[in-house]
N, C-alpha and C. Protein backbone atom coordinates (compact mmCIF):
# COMPACT_ATOMS: atom_id res chain seq x y z
N MET A 1 -22.94 320.31 48.63
CA MET A 1 -23.45 321.22 49.56
C MET A 1 -22.55 322.36 49.65
N ARG A 2 -23.19 323.47 49.81
CA ARG A 2 -22.49 324.75 49.88
C ARG A 2 -22.67 325.40 51.24
N PHE A 3 -21.62 326.13 51.79
CA PHE A 3 -21.66 327.01 52.85
C PHE A 3 -21.18 328.40 52.59
N SER A 4 -21.58 329.31 53.29
CA SER A 4 -21.04 330.66 53.36
C SER A 4 -20.44 331.02 54.68
N ALA A 5 -19.10 331.29 54.68
CA ALA A 5 -18.48 331.47 56.15
C ALA A 5 -17.51 332.49 55.94
N ASP A 6 -16.91 332.94 57.36
CA ASP A 6 -15.74 333.88 57.26
C ASP A 6 -14.47 333.10 57.66
N ALA A 7 -14.57 331.99 58.05
CA ALA A 7 -13.36 331.26 58.35
C ALA A 7 -13.64 329.73 58.56
N LEU A 8 -12.44 328.88 58.39
CA LEU A 8 -12.60 327.41 58.73
C LEU A 8 -11.53 327.12 59.82
N LEU A 9 -12.04 326.34 60.58
CA LEU A 9 -11.30 325.88 61.86
C LEU A 9 -11.09 324.36 61.74
N PHE A 10 -9.67 324.08 61.61
CA PHE A 10 -9.40 322.74 61.35
C PHE A 10 -8.78 321.94 62.64
N ASP A 11 -9.18 320.68 62.92
CA ASP A 11 -8.63 320.03 63.86
C ASP A 11 -7.17 319.66 63.16
N SER A 12 -6.34 318.99 63.74
CA SER A 12 -4.92 318.58 63.30
C SER A 12 -4.82 317.22 62.87
N ASP A 13 -4.73 316.26 63.99
CA ASP A 13 -4.59 315.02 63.54
C ASP A 13 -5.59 314.20 63.04
N GLU A 14 -5.41 313.56 61.86
CA GLU A 14 -6.36 312.91 60.68
C GLU A 14 -7.28 313.76 60.23
N THR A 15 -7.00 315.03 60.29
CA THR A 15 -7.88 316.13 59.68
C THR A 15 -6.85 316.82 58.62
N LEU A 16 -5.76 317.32 59.04
CA LEU A 16 -4.90 318.04 58.31
C LEU A 16 -3.52 317.08 58.08
N VAL A 17 -3.10 316.55 59.09
CA VAL A 17 -1.88 315.40 59.01
C VAL A 17 -2.46 314.08 59.40
N SER A 18 -2.04 313.06 58.65
CA SER A 18 -2.17 311.70 59.01
C SER A 18 -1.12 311.31 59.90
N SER A 19 -1.49 311.05 61.15
CA SER A 19 -0.37 310.58 62.22
C SER A 19 -0.59 309.36 62.96
N LEU A 20 -1.64 308.50 62.42
CA LEU A 20 -2.24 307.34 63.23
C LEU A 20 -1.01 306.40 63.37
N GLN A 21 -0.16 306.18 62.36
CA GLN A 21 0.86 305.18 62.44
C GLN A 21 1.77 305.72 63.62
N SER A 22 2.14 307.01 63.59
CA SER A 22 2.99 307.73 64.48
C SER A 22 2.63 307.45 66.00
N VAL A 23 1.21 307.66 66.12
CA VAL A 23 0.60 307.57 67.41
C VAL A 23 0.67 306.25 67.77
N ILE A 24 0.42 305.31 67.04
CA ILE A 24 0.44 303.86 67.37
C ILE A 24 1.91 303.43 67.85
N ARG A 25 2.86 303.81 67.06
CA ARG A 25 4.28 303.47 67.49
C ARG A 25 4.52 304.12 68.90
N VAL A 26 4.35 305.28 68.89
CA VAL A 26 4.68 306.00 70.24
C VAL A 26 3.94 305.58 71.35
N TRP A 27 2.62 305.46 71.26
CA TRP A 27 1.82 305.04 72.41
C TRP A 27 2.15 303.61 72.91
N SER A 28 2.46 302.68 71.69
CA SER A 28 2.77 301.31 72.16
C SER A 28 4.09 301.24 72.83
N TRP A 29 5.16 302.11 72.59
CA TRP A 29 6.25 302.05 73.26
C TRP A 29 6.05 302.47 74.71
N TRP A 30 5.21 303.63 74.63
CA TRP A 30 5.08 304.32 75.96
C TRP A 30 4.29 303.47 77.01
N ALA A 31 3.20 302.76 76.41
CA ALA A 31 2.45 301.81 77.34
C ALA A 31 3.37 300.75 77.99
N GLU A 32 4.14 300.15 77.02
CA GLU A 32 5.05 298.89 77.40
C GLU A 32 6.05 299.61 78.43
N SER A 33 6.52 300.83 78.25
CA SER A 33 7.31 301.29 79.22
C SER A 33 6.78 301.43 80.65
N TYR A 34 5.46 301.30 80.71
CA TYR A 34 4.86 301.27 81.99
C TYR A 34 4.23 299.89 82.45
N GLY A 35 4.50 298.96 81.79
CA GLY A 35 4.12 297.69 81.92
C GLY A 35 2.79 297.16 81.53
N MET A 36 2.32 297.99 80.36
CA MET A 36 0.97 297.60 79.81
C MET A 36 1.07 297.39 78.25
N THR A 37 0.34 296.76 77.78
CA THR A 37 0.21 296.78 76.19
C THR A 37 -0.59 297.96 75.83
N LEU A 38 -0.47 298.50 74.64
CA LEU A 38 -1.40 299.43 74.08
C LEU A 38 -2.80 299.10 74.18
N LYS A 39 -3.08 297.73 73.88
CA LYS A 39 -4.55 297.44 73.87
C LYS A 39 -5.09 297.54 75.25
N GLU A 40 -4.13 297.07 76.35
CA GLU A 40 -4.70 297.07 77.72
C GLU A 40 -5.00 298.55 78.02
N ALA A 41 -4.00 299.40 77.75
CA ALA A 41 -4.15 300.87 78.18
C ALA A 41 -5.44 301.48 77.51
N MET A 42 -5.64 301.13 76.10
CA MET A 42 -6.72 301.91 75.45
C MET A 42 -8.02 301.22 75.88
N SER A 43 -8.01 300.07 76.46
CA SER A 43 -9.32 299.63 76.83
C SER A 43 -9.63 300.13 78.33
N ARG A 44 -8.84 300.81 78.92
CA ARG A 44 -9.26 301.41 80.08
C ARG A 44 -9.73 302.92 80.15
N VAL A 45 -9.33 303.50 79.06
CA VAL A 45 -10.01 304.94 78.83
C VAL A 45 -10.34 305.30 77.63
N GLU A 46 -11.10 306.47 77.72
CA GLU A 46 -11.67 307.08 76.30
C GLU A 46 -10.61 307.93 75.75
N VAL A 47 -10.21 307.73 74.43
CA VAL A 47 -9.03 308.14 73.89
C VAL A 47 -9.13 309.30 72.94
N HIS A 48 -10.00 308.99 71.86
CA HIS A 48 -10.08 309.89 70.61
C HIS A 48 -10.48 311.33 71.07
N GLY A 49 -9.78 312.29 70.65
CA GLY A 49 -10.18 313.88 70.79
C GLY A 49 -9.84 314.27 72.21
N ARG A 50 -9.10 313.42 73.05
CA ARG A 50 -8.87 313.90 74.46
C ARG A 50 -7.22 314.43 74.50
N PRO A 51 -6.88 315.30 75.27
CA PRO A 51 -5.58 315.53 75.38
C PRO A 51 -4.76 314.49 76.10
N ALA A 52 -3.54 314.24 75.60
CA ALA A 52 -2.70 313.11 76.04
C ALA A 52 -2.60 313.23 77.67
N ALA A 53 -2.47 314.32 78.20
CA ALA A 53 -2.32 314.38 79.77
C ALA A 53 -3.58 313.92 80.46
N ALA A 54 -4.63 314.08 79.72
CA ALA A 54 -6.08 313.55 80.37
C ALA A 54 -5.95 312.04 80.33
N ILE A 55 -5.47 311.49 79.13
CA ILE A 55 -5.46 310.06 79.22
C ILE A 55 -4.47 309.50 80.10
N ILE A 56 -3.22 310.17 80.04
CA ILE A 56 -2.19 309.67 80.99
C ILE A 56 -2.67 309.79 82.52
N ALA A 57 -3.33 310.73 82.91
CA ALA A 57 -3.95 310.95 84.09
C ALA A 57 -4.68 309.90 84.57
N ASP A 58 -5.35 309.15 83.63
CA ASP A 58 -6.38 308.04 83.88
C ASP A 58 -5.68 306.77 83.93
N LEU A 59 -4.34 306.60 83.57
CA LEU A 59 -3.45 305.49 83.43
C LEU A 59 -2.62 305.34 84.49
N LEU A 60 -2.11 306.37 85.02
CA LEU A 60 -0.86 306.30 85.98
C LEU A 60 -1.18 306.94 87.21
N PRO A 61 -0.49 306.71 88.24
CA PRO A 61 -0.62 307.25 89.59
C PRO A 61 -0.31 308.78 89.41
N GLU A 62 -0.90 309.48 90.29
CA GLU A 62 -0.70 310.94 90.11
C GLU A 62 0.68 311.40 90.11
N GLU A 63 1.69 310.74 90.97
CA GLU A 63 2.94 311.12 91.00
C GLU A 63 3.77 311.04 89.69
N GLN A 64 3.21 309.97 88.96
CA GLN A 64 3.86 309.63 87.81
C GLN A 64 3.44 310.41 86.49
N VAL A 65 2.35 311.27 86.59
CA VAL A 65 1.63 311.78 85.44
C VAL A 65 2.65 312.77 84.81
N ARG A 66 3.21 313.66 85.36
CA ARG A 66 4.15 314.54 84.71
C ARG A 66 5.09 313.98 83.98
N GLU A 67 5.73 313.14 84.70
CA GLU A 67 7.02 312.35 83.96
C GLU A 67 6.55 311.63 82.76
N GLY A 68 5.27 311.00 82.78
CA GLY A 68 4.66 310.28 81.81
C GLY A 68 4.26 311.12 80.57
N VAL A 69 3.69 312.20 80.74
CA VAL A 69 3.31 313.15 79.70
C VAL A 69 4.66 313.64 78.99
N GLN A 70 5.64 314.03 79.77
CA GLN A 70 6.94 314.58 79.14
C GLN A 70 7.62 313.65 78.25
N ARG A 71 7.67 312.30 78.79
CA ARG A 71 8.18 311.09 77.90
C ARG A 71 7.43 310.93 76.62
N LEU A 72 6.18 311.00 76.67
CA LEU A 72 5.40 310.77 75.61
C LEU A 72 5.44 311.88 74.52
N VAL A 73 5.47 313.17 75.07
CA VAL A 73 5.61 314.28 74.03
C VAL A 73 6.95 314.24 73.39
N ASP A 74 8.12 313.94 74.09
CA ASP A 74 9.39 313.93 73.58
C ASP A 74 9.37 312.78 72.43
N ALA A 75 8.71 311.62 72.73
CA ALA A 75 8.76 310.59 71.68
C ALA A 75 7.85 310.96 70.62
N GLU A 76 6.84 311.71 70.63
CA GLU A 76 5.86 312.04 69.65
C GLU A 76 6.72 313.06 68.71
N VAL A 77 7.28 313.96 69.33
CA VAL A 77 8.07 315.10 68.56
C VAL A 77 9.24 314.45 67.73
N ALA A 78 10.02 313.30 68.31
CA ALA A 78 10.97 312.65 67.74
C ALA A 78 10.45 311.88 66.58
N ASP A 79 9.47 311.16 66.60
CA ASP A 79 8.72 310.32 65.64
C ASP A 79 8.31 311.40 64.53
N ALA A 80 7.77 312.43 64.74
CA ALA A 80 7.37 313.14 63.77
C ALA A 80 8.61 313.83 62.95
N ALA A 81 9.66 314.28 63.57
CA ALA A 81 10.86 314.70 63.08
C ALA A 81 11.41 313.69 62.12
N ALA A 82 11.35 312.25 62.38
CA ALA A 82 11.71 311.17 61.53
C ALA A 82 10.94 310.92 60.37
N GLY A 83 10.09 311.68 60.05
CA GLY A 83 9.10 311.52 59.02
C GLY A 83 7.80 310.61 59.24
N GLY A 84 7.44 310.57 60.45
CA GLY A 84 6.24 309.96 60.81
C GLY A 84 4.96 310.33 60.43
N VAL A 85 4.82 311.44 60.01
CA VAL A 85 3.50 311.93 59.56
C VAL A 85 3.39 312.41 57.99
N GLN A 86 2.23 312.53 57.33
CA GLN A 86 2.23 313.25 56.20
C GLN A 86 0.96 313.91 56.09
N ALA A 87 0.75 314.71 55.04
CA ALA A 87 -0.51 315.53 55.09
C ALA A 87 -1.79 314.55 54.50
N VAL A 88 -2.75 315.03 55.07
CA VAL A 88 -4.19 314.24 54.54
C VAL A 88 -4.32 314.86 53.14
N PRO A 89 -4.83 313.94 52.25
CA PRO A 89 -5.07 314.46 50.83
C PRO A 89 -5.79 315.63 50.83
N GLY A 90 -5.51 316.79 49.97
CA GLY A 90 -6.08 317.89 49.65
C GLY A 90 -5.80 318.95 50.78
N ALA A 91 -5.20 318.55 51.98
CA ALA A 91 -4.97 319.58 53.06
C ALA A 91 -4.16 320.63 52.69
N VAL A 92 -3.01 320.50 52.25
CA VAL A 92 -2.06 321.62 51.82
C VAL A 92 -2.86 322.52 50.69
N GLU A 93 -3.24 321.91 49.74
CA GLU A 93 -3.94 322.73 48.58
C GLU A 93 -5.12 323.58 49.07
N LEU A 94 -5.90 322.94 50.08
CA LEU A 94 -7.15 323.62 50.44
C LEU A 94 -6.51 324.91 51.44
N LEU A 95 -5.70 324.82 52.22
CA LEU A 95 -5.20 325.89 53.08
C LEU A 95 -4.64 326.94 52.25
N ALA A 96 -3.90 326.61 51.17
CA ALA A 96 -3.31 327.54 50.28
C ALA A 96 -4.31 328.37 49.65
N SER A 97 -5.68 327.88 49.48
CA SER A 97 -6.60 328.55 48.70
C SER A 97 -7.39 329.61 49.68
N LEU A 98 -7.03 329.55 51.06
CA LEU A 98 -7.58 330.37 51.99
C LEU A 98 -6.81 331.69 52.37
N PRO A 99 -7.26 332.72 52.37
CA PRO A 99 -6.60 334.08 52.65
C PRO A 99 -6.14 333.85 54.13
N GLU A 100 -4.97 334.54 54.43
CA GLU A 100 -4.62 334.75 55.78
C GLU A 100 -5.60 335.37 56.70
N GLY A 101 -5.55 334.68 57.82
CA GLY A 101 -6.39 335.11 58.84
C GLY A 101 -7.98 334.64 58.72
N ARG A 102 -8.07 333.62 57.88
CA ARG A 102 -9.52 333.12 57.64
C ARG A 102 -9.55 331.61 57.92
N TRP A 103 -8.32 331.30 58.63
CA TRP A 103 -8.36 329.89 59.10
C TRP A 103 -7.37 329.58 60.30
N ALA A 104 -7.69 328.56 61.09
CA ALA A 104 -6.98 328.31 62.19
C ALA A 104 -6.97 326.63 62.55
N VAL A 105 -6.16 326.34 63.22
CA VAL A 105 -5.84 324.86 63.70
C VAL A 105 -6.39 324.84 65.03
N VAL A 106 -7.04 324.07 65.38
CA VAL A 106 -7.61 323.82 66.78
C VAL A 106 -7.55 322.20 67.24
N THR A 107 -6.63 321.95 67.93
CA THR A 107 -6.25 320.78 68.41
C THR A 107 -6.07 320.30 69.89
N SER A 108 -6.51 319.13 70.28
CA SER A 108 -6.37 318.76 71.66
C SER A 108 -4.90 318.37 72.11
N GLY A 109 -4.04 318.31 71.02
CA GLY A 109 -2.59 318.08 71.21
C GLY A 109 -1.90 319.24 71.94
N SER A 110 -0.80 319.07 72.29
CA SER A 110 0.12 320.22 73.02
C SER A 110 0.63 320.96 71.76
N ARG A 111 0.89 322.39 71.97
CA ARG A 111 1.66 323.08 70.87
C ARG A 111 2.87 322.54 70.35
N ARG A 112 3.60 321.99 71.35
CA ARG A 112 4.91 321.40 70.90
C ARG A 112 4.59 320.12 69.83
N VAL A 113 3.89 319.26 70.13
CA VAL A 113 3.44 318.03 69.22
C VAL A 113 2.88 318.45 68.05
N ALA A 114 1.92 319.63 68.12
CA ALA A 114 1.11 320.06 66.85
C ALA A 114 2.10 320.71 65.99
N GLU A 115 2.97 321.47 66.34
CA GLU A 115 3.94 322.08 65.40
C GLU A 115 4.85 321.07 65.01
N ALA A 116 5.20 320.03 65.72
CA ALA A 116 6.37 318.95 65.17
C ALA A 116 5.53 318.27 64.07
N ARG A 117 4.15 318.14 64.03
CA ARG A 117 3.46 317.29 63.00
C ARG A 117 3.24 318.25 61.86
N LEU A 118 2.81 319.43 61.97
CA LEU A 118 2.54 320.33 60.91
C LEU A 118 3.34 320.79 60.13
N THR A 119 4.53 321.34 60.63
CA THR A 119 5.80 321.81 60.00
C THR A 119 6.32 321.02 59.01
N PRO A 120 6.51 319.82 59.17
CA PRO A 120 7.16 318.78 58.20
C PRO A 120 6.45 318.77 56.77
N VAL A 121 5.18 319.00 56.89
CA VAL A 121 4.21 318.82 55.78
C VAL A 121 3.85 320.28 55.13
N GLY A 122 4.49 321.28 55.69
CA GLY A 122 4.52 322.64 55.00
C GLY A 122 3.22 323.49 55.71
N ILE A 123 2.61 323.00 56.70
CA ILE A 123 1.55 323.76 57.32
C ILE A 123 2.03 324.55 58.52
N ARG A 124 2.01 325.73 58.41
CA ARG A 124 2.35 326.88 59.45
C ARG A 124 1.27 327.72 59.89
N PRO A 125 0.31 327.31 60.65
CA PRO A 125 -0.77 328.31 61.02
C PRO A 125 -0.47 329.56 61.70
N LYS A 126 -0.85 330.66 61.30
CA LYS A 126 -0.85 331.72 62.02
C LYS A 126 -1.48 331.76 63.38
N PHE A 127 -2.84 331.01 63.41
CA PHE A 127 -3.46 330.90 64.53
C PHE A 127 -3.67 329.38 64.81
N LEU A 128 -2.87 329.08 66.04
CA LEU A 128 -3.07 327.71 66.53
C LEU A 128 -3.40 327.53 67.86
N ILE A 129 -4.47 326.82 68.15
CA ILE A 129 -5.21 326.81 69.52
C ILE A 129 -4.88 325.37 69.97
N THR A 130 -4.30 325.01 71.09
CA THR A 130 -3.90 323.70 71.60
C THR A 130 -4.38 323.42 72.94
N SER A 131 -4.18 322.26 73.50
CA SER A 131 -4.61 322.00 74.92
C SER A 131 -4.07 322.96 75.87
N ASP A 132 -2.63 323.69 75.40
CA ASP A 132 -2.14 324.60 76.27
C ASP A 132 -2.70 325.94 76.41
N ASP A 133 -3.80 326.18 75.49
CA ASP A 133 -4.46 327.43 75.46
C ASP A 133 -5.84 327.49 76.05
N VAL A 134 -6.22 326.32 76.58
CA VAL A 134 -7.71 326.40 77.13
C VAL A 134 -7.82 325.45 78.37
N SER A 135 -8.80 325.79 79.14
CA SER A 135 -9.01 325.08 80.42
C SER A 135 -9.93 323.90 80.34
N ARG A 136 -10.80 323.97 79.24
CA ARG A 136 -11.73 322.89 79.06
C ARG A 136 -11.72 322.49 77.51
N HIS A 137 -11.68 321.01 77.25
CA HIS A 137 -11.29 320.58 76.09
C HIS A 137 -12.48 319.98 75.46
N LYS A 138 -12.32 319.62 74.13
CA LYS A 138 -13.48 319.09 73.39
C LYS A 138 -13.97 317.81 74.15
N PRO A 139 -15.29 317.69 74.23
CA PRO A 139 -16.33 318.24 73.50
C PRO A 139 -16.83 319.58 73.88
N HIS A 140 -16.27 320.36 74.81
CA HIS A 140 -16.75 321.48 75.26
C HIS A 140 -16.33 322.54 74.15
N PRO A 141 -17.15 323.73 73.97
CA PRO A 141 -16.88 324.50 72.95
C PRO A 141 -15.73 325.40 73.03
N GLU A 142 -15.15 325.51 74.19
CA GLU A 142 -14.10 326.48 74.24
C GLU A 142 -13.05 326.50 73.28
N PRO A 143 -12.37 325.32 72.96
CA PRO A 143 -11.28 325.52 71.85
C PRO A 143 -11.75 326.21 70.81
N PHE A 144 -12.93 326.09 70.05
CA PHE A 144 -13.28 326.73 68.92
C PHE A 144 -13.76 328.11 69.06
N LEU A 145 -14.32 328.32 70.39
CA LEU A 145 -14.79 329.62 70.61
C LEU A 145 -13.52 330.45 70.87
N VAL A 146 -12.37 330.09 71.41
CA VAL A 146 -11.16 330.76 71.50
C VAL A 146 -10.46 330.96 70.25
N ALA A 147 -10.73 330.08 69.23
CA ALA A 147 -10.07 330.33 67.92
C ALA A 147 -10.94 331.33 67.27
N ALA A 148 -12.27 331.52 67.17
CA ALA A 148 -12.93 332.38 66.63
C ALA A 148 -12.78 333.88 67.22
N GLU A 149 -12.40 334.02 68.54
CA GLU A 149 -12.03 335.07 69.28
C GLU A 149 -10.68 335.68 68.80
N GLN A 150 -10.07 334.74 68.53
CA GLN A 150 -8.50 335.28 68.21
C GLN A 150 -8.31 335.63 66.66
N LEU A 151 -9.31 335.08 65.81
CA LEU A 151 -9.50 335.65 64.41
C LEU A 151 -10.37 336.92 64.50
N GLY A 152 -10.88 337.18 65.59
CA GLY A 152 -11.83 338.37 65.57
C GLY A 152 -13.05 338.13 64.68
N LEU A 153 -13.64 336.94 64.77
CA LEU A 153 -15.01 336.63 63.87
C LEU A 153 -16.11 336.02 64.69
N ASP A 154 -17.33 336.23 64.16
CA ASP A 154 -18.47 335.64 64.81
C ASP A 154 -18.37 334.08 64.70
N PRO A 155 -18.51 333.47 65.79
CA PRO A 155 -18.42 332.00 65.99
C PRO A 155 -19.52 331.26 64.78
N ALA A 156 -20.72 332.08 64.74
CA ALA A 156 -21.74 331.57 63.82
C ALA A 156 -21.19 331.66 62.20
N ARG A 157 -20.24 332.27 62.18
CA ARG A 157 -19.72 332.23 60.71
C ARG A 157 -18.39 331.63 60.47
N CYS A 158 -18.30 330.48 61.32
CA CYS A 158 -16.98 329.72 61.26
C CYS A 158 -17.45 328.29 60.92
N ILE A 159 -16.70 327.46 60.24
CA ILE A 159 -17.07 326.22 59.92
C ILE A 159 -15.75 325.29 60.54
N VAL A 160 -16.22 324.25 61.32
CA VAL A 160 -15.35 323.33 61.93
C VAL A 160 -15.16 322.21 61.05
N VAL A 161 -13.98 321.69 60.83
CA VAL A 161 -13.45 320.60 60.05
C VAL A 161 -12.77 319.52 60.92
N GLU A 162 -13.47 318.48 61.27
CA GLU A 162 -13.04 317.46 62.16
C GLU A 162 -13.12 316.15 61.85
N ASP A 163 -12.50 315.24 62.48
CA ASP A 163 -12.63 313.82 62.35
C ASP A 163 -13.32 312.92 63.44
N SER A 164 -13.46 313.61 64.55
CA SER A 164 -13.74 312.81 65.75
C SER A 164 -15.22 313.34 66.28
N PRO A 165 -15.84 312.44 66.96
CA PRO A 165 -17.18 312.88 67.48
C PRO A 165 -17.13 314.16 68.51
N ALA A 166 -16.07 313.82 69.24
CA ALA A 166 -15.86 314.88 70.44
C ALA A 166 -15.52 316.28 69.77
N GLY A 167 -14.86 316.30 68.61
CA GLY A 167 -14.47 317.65 68.03
C GLY A 167 -15.56 318.16 67.33
N LEU A 168 -16.43 317.32 66.56
CA LEU A 168 -17.77 317.75 66.01
C LEU A 168 -18.69 318.26 67.04
N ALA A 169 -18.81 317.57 67.98
CA ALA A 169 -19.61 318.22 69.19
C ALA A 169 -19.22 319.39 69.72
N SER A 170 -17.79 319.59 69.81
CA SER A 170 -17.40 320.82 70.26
C SER A 170 -17.67 322.08 69.39
N GLY A 171 -17.63 321.78 68.03
CA GLY A 171 -17.94 322.74 67.07
C GLY A 171 -19.34 323.24 67.25
N LYS A 172 -20.19 322.14 67.16
CA LYS A 172 -21.67 322.21 67.10
C LYS A 172 -22.00 323.03 68.31
N ALA A 173 -21.47 322.71 69.60
CA ALA A 173 -21.70 323.48 70.70
C ALA A 173 -21.37 324.97 70.75
N ALA A 174 -20.34 325.31 69.80
CA ALA A 174 -19.96 326.70 69.65
C ALA A 174 -20.82 327.43 68.78
N GLY A 175 -21.76 326.69 68.00
CA GLY A 175 -22.61 327.36 67.20
C GLY A 175 -22.14 327.44 65.84
N MET A 176 -21.29 326.53 65.44
CA MET A 176 -20.62 326.64 64.20
C MET A 176 -21.02 325.38 63.23
N ALA A 177 -21.24 325.62 61.99
CA ALA A 177 -21.39 324.58 60.98
C ALA A 177 -20.29 323.47 61.05
N THR A 178 -20.57 322.09 60.67
CA THR A 178 -19.38 321.28 60.66
C THR A 178 -19.24 320.21 59.50
N ILE A 179 -18.01 320.15 59.12
CA ILE A 179 -17.70 319.18 58.17
C ILE A 179 -16.85 318.03 58.64
N ALA A 180 -17.28 316.88 58.48
CA ALA A 180 -16.61 315.59 59.17
C ALA A 180 -15.77 314.80 58.00
N LEU A 181 -14.67 314.41 58.43
CA LEU A 181 -13.89 313.52 57.66
C LEU A 181 -13.96 312.21 58.22
N THR A 182 -14.02 311.08 57.42
CA THR A 182 -14.09 309.73 57.73
C THR A 182 -12.64 309.13 57.79
N THR A 183 -11.85 309.81 58.34
CA THR A 183 -10.35 309.31 58.43
C THR A 183 -10.12 308.40 59.68
N THR A 184 -11.09 308.52 60.55
CA THR A 184 -10.92 307.58 61.85
C THR A 184 -12.28 306.90 62.17
N HIS A 185 -13.43 307.44 61.68
CA HIS A 185 -14.53 306.87 62.13
C HIS A 185 -15.51 306.56 60.93
N GLN A 186 -16.56 305.87 60.96
CA GLN A 186 -17.48 305.56 59.98
C GLN A 186 -18.40 306.82 59.85
N ALA A 187 -18.84 307.23 58.69
CA ALA A 187 -19.69 308.22 58.65
C ALA A 187 -21.03 308.17 59.36
N GLU A 188 -21.43 307.03 59.81
CA GLU A 188 -22.77 306.91 60.72
C GLU A 188 -22.31 307.08 61.99
N GLN A 189 -21.04 307.25 62.35
CA GLN A 189 -20.55 307.61 63.84
C GLN A 189 -20.46 309.02 63.90
N LEU A 190 -20.40 309.82 62.88
CA LEU A 190 -20.07 311.22 63.03
C LEU A 190 -21.41 312.19 62.64
N GLU A 191 -21.85 313.02 63.58
CA GLU A 191 -22.90 313.86 63.34
C GLU A 191 -22.35 315.18 62.85
N ALA A 192 -22.49 315.67 61.52
CA ALA A 192 -22.12 316.95 61.06
C ALA A 192 -23.04 317.26 59.83
N ASP A 193 -22.83 318.44 59.41
CA ASP A 193 -23.61 319.17 58.50
C ASP A 193 -23.28 318.45 56.96
N ALA A 194 -22.09 318.09 57.01
CA ALA A 194 -21.58 317.39 55.80
C ALA A 194 -20.34 316.41 56.03
N THR A 195 -20.25 315.34 55.17
CA THR A 195 -19.37 314.42 55.63
C THR A 195 -18.59 313.96 54.32
N VAL A 196 -17.12 313.92 54.42
CA VAL A 196 -16.26 313.66 53.16
C VAL A 196 -15.33 312.60 53.65
N ALA A 197 -14.45 312.02 52.71
CA ALA A 197 -13.48 311.20 52.92
C ALA A 197 -12.23 311.88 53.24
N ASP A 198 -12.05 312.92 52.58
CA ASP A 198 -10.78 313.70 52.85
C ASP A 198 -10.98 315.21 52.31
N LEU A 199 -9.81 315.89 52.21
CA LEU A 199 -10.10 317.44 52.05
C LEU A 199 -10.21 317.52 50.55
N THR A 200 -9.94 316.58 49.69
CA THR A 200 -9.99 316.74 48.20
C THR A 200 -11.54 317.14 47.84
N SER A 201 -12.35 316.74 48.61
CA SER A 201 -13.83 316.86 48.32
C SER A 201 -14.24 318.35 48.83
N VAL A 202 -13.40 319.05 49.22
CA VAL A 202 -13.69 320.50 49.85
C VAL A 202 -12.93 321.70 49.05
N SER A 203 -13.66 322.48 48.46
CA SER A 203 -13.13 323.66 47.75
C SER A 203 -13.58 325.02 48.35
N ILE A 204 -12.78 326.10 48.10
CA ILE A 204 -13.10 327.40 48.57
C ILE A 204 -12.95 328.41 47.49
N ARG A 205 -13.88 329.41 47.38
CA ARG A 205 -13.91 330.59 46.48
C ARG A 205 -14.31 331.71 47.28
N VAL A 206 -13.26 332.69 47.28
CA VAL A 206 -13.59 334.03 48.00
C VAL A 206 -14.54 334.74 47.05
N ALA A 207 -15.92 335.10 47.62
CA ALA A 207 -16.81 335.94 46.82
C ALA A 207 -16.14 337.35 46.77
N GLU A 208 -16.87 338.21 46.06
CA GLU A 208 -16.66 339.74 45.83
C GLU A 208 -16.81 340.22 47.21
N ALA A 209 -17.69 339.96 47.90
CA ALA A 209 -18.01 340.50 49.21
C ALA A 209 -17.00 340.04 50.22
N GLY A 210 -16.20 339.19 50.10
CA GLY A 210 -15.16 338.78 50.86
C GLY A 210 -15.53 337.49 51.76
N ASP A 211 -16.91 336.96 51.53
CA ASP A 211 -17.34 335.78 52.04
C ASP A 211 -16.52 334.52 51.37
N LEU A 212 -16.20 333.57 52.24
CA LEU A 212 -15.78 332.32 51.82
C LEU A 212 -17.05 331.33 51.23
N GLU A 213 -17.07 331.09 50.09
CA GLU A 213 -18.11 330.10 49.51
C GLU A 213 -17.37 328.73 49.52
N VAL A 214 -17.68 327.74 50.34
CA VAL A 214 -17.16 326.43 50.64
C VAL A 214 -18.14 325.57 49.88
N THR A 215 -17.57 324.67 49.06
CA THR A 215 -18.39 323.68 48.25
C THR A 215 -17.74 322.32 48.94
N VAL A 216 -18.67 321.57 49.13
CA VAL A 216 -18.36 320.12 49.57
C VAL A 216 -18.94 319.14 48.90
N GLY A 217 -18.14 318.07 48.25
CA GLY A 217 -18.69 317.10 47.52
C GLY A 217 -18.42 317.34 45.99
């Protein structure tokens, strides 16, 4: 499948960086510190694609939420710094083929955590939209619309690359084409224009007119 676009907008976790084992380690420790097992905590709330602060607000009394978020963020940053993440196959190479100003990272995580996970694998986005930059989160279209605005591009000329149903729904609601990665969900759980296992199946060519010719598969 081929697309023509002006930019690609990538989720971070399990789209550009594989952080699942880090997430499991940190959230297990965090849940146990509040008297829960990870399984108990995750059974009580919707998790994937949501900001950590929203998840914690569903798990803790209001007066403990701020402290809970800070403890989690500190632990996530420390785990990433200790080598807890790696690049998703094809991610670094694909980003290197994109001209500057033609891609962004759009994540439900905080800026501090996103940078802590992306930097060790050599990904340093000029445009990084995080939960700190929006008031409404995925599946609302705001995160991707903010990214298009920062890039100065028509949303309809952007492609969203995501691994979660919430992220894909956000991109679709923003009027963008979507490419799904099956790094966290089965293909049948993901509604997208194209679906791949990882980013080794996506390639970019810059056309003479400046358009990005995106080939999937």
